Protein backbone atom coordinates (compact mmCIF):
# COMPACT_ATOMS: atom_id res chain seq x y z
CA UNK A 1 122.57 87.73 80.46
CA UNK A 2 119.41 88.84 82.27
CA UNK A 3 118.28 87.57 85.63
CA UNK A 4 115.10 85.38 85.48
CA UNK A 5 113.83 86.93 88.70
CA UNK A 6 114.02 90.45 87.27
CA UNK A 7 112.19 89.25 84.14
CA UNK A 8 109.38 87.88 86.32
CA UNK A 9 109.04 91.22 88.08
CA UNK A 10 108.66 92.96 84.73
CA UNK A 11 106.25 90.60 82.98
CA UNK A 12 102.83 90.10 84.68
CA UNK A 13 102.29 86.94 82.58
CA UNK A 14 105.12 85.27 84.49
CA UNK A 15 104.07 86.39 87.98
CA UNK A 16 101.81 83.86 89.70
CA UNK A 17 100.23 83.75 93.13
CA UNK A 18 98.07 81.52 95.29
CA UNK A 19 94.36 82.08 95.91
CA UNK A 20 94.93 84.07 99.11
CA UNK A 21 97.19 86.55 97.35
CA UNK A 22 94.84 86.70 94.36
CA UNK A 23 91.83 87.32 96.60
CA UNK A 24 93.59 90.30 98.17
CA UNK A 25 94.17 91.83 94.73
CA UNK A 26 90.68 91.39 93.29
CA UNK A 27 88.64 91.73 96.46
CA UNK A 28 86.97 88.31 96.50
CA UNK A 29 87.31 85.81 99.31
CA UNK A 30 89.36 82.63 98.75
CA UNK A 31 86.10 80.67 99.17
CA UNK A 32 84.49 82.68 96.36
CA UNK A 33 87.51 82.00 94.12
CA UNK A 34 87.16 78.28 94.92
CA UNK A 35 83.48 78.36 93.96
CA UNK A 36 84.19 80.28 90.76
CA UNK A 37 86.85 77.70 89.79
CA UNK A 38 84.34 74.91 90.38
CA UNK A 39 81.79 76.71 88.19
CA UNK A 40 84.48 77.42 85.54
CA UNK A 41 83.96 81.18 85.88
CA UNK A 42 86.64 83.86 85.57
CA UNK A 43 89.25 84.74 86.59
CA UNK A 44 91.39 82.23 84.71
CA UNK A 45 93.67 80.04 86.81
CA UNK A 46 96.49 77.55 86.42
CA UNK A 47 96.60 74.09 87.90
CA UNK A 48 100.20 73.03 88.39
CA UNK A 49 100.11 69.54 89.80
CA UNK A 50 97.79 69.92 92.78
CA UNK A 51 98.48 73.62 93.24
CA UNK A 52 96.19 76.40 92.03
CA UNK A 53 97.93 79.54 90.81
CA UNK A 54 96.67 82.81 89.33
CA UNK A 55 98.65 84.88 86.83
CA UNK A 56 98.79 88.56 87.66
CA UNK A 57 97.94 89.35 84.03
CA UNK A 58 94.76 87.23 84.28
CA UNK A 59 93.70 89.06 87.44
CA UNK A 60 94.22 92.42 85.70
CA UNK A 61 92.19 91.18 82.72
CA UNK A 62 89.40 90.03 85.04
CA UNK A 63 89.29 93.42 86.75
CA UNK A 64 89.25 95.19 83.37
CA UNK A 65 86.32 93.00 82.27
CA UNK A 66 84.41 94.01 85.42
CA UNK A 67 84.70 97.71 84.65
CA UNK A 68 81.42 99.52 84.10
CA UNK A 69 81.51 102.63 81.94
CA UNK A 70 78.90 105.19 82.96
CA UNK A 71 76.62 106.51 80.25
CA UNK A 72 77.07 110.19 79.55
CA UNK A 73 74.16 112.02 77.90
């Protein structure tokens, strides 16, 4: 039988964090994340009771969507 904690470490969909941890990963301030939540802008978030959580997989997806590919002639 596998350990649930080890499964969480392997699957970014199961790893969640608060806005301070999320802000450190994506480089936005917690205040900016709060404003983006209010405006219903990415990154996606979870509301569990009164707590706000961000999935690591959603933060990765947000960063991927922000990527700009340079044009090469």
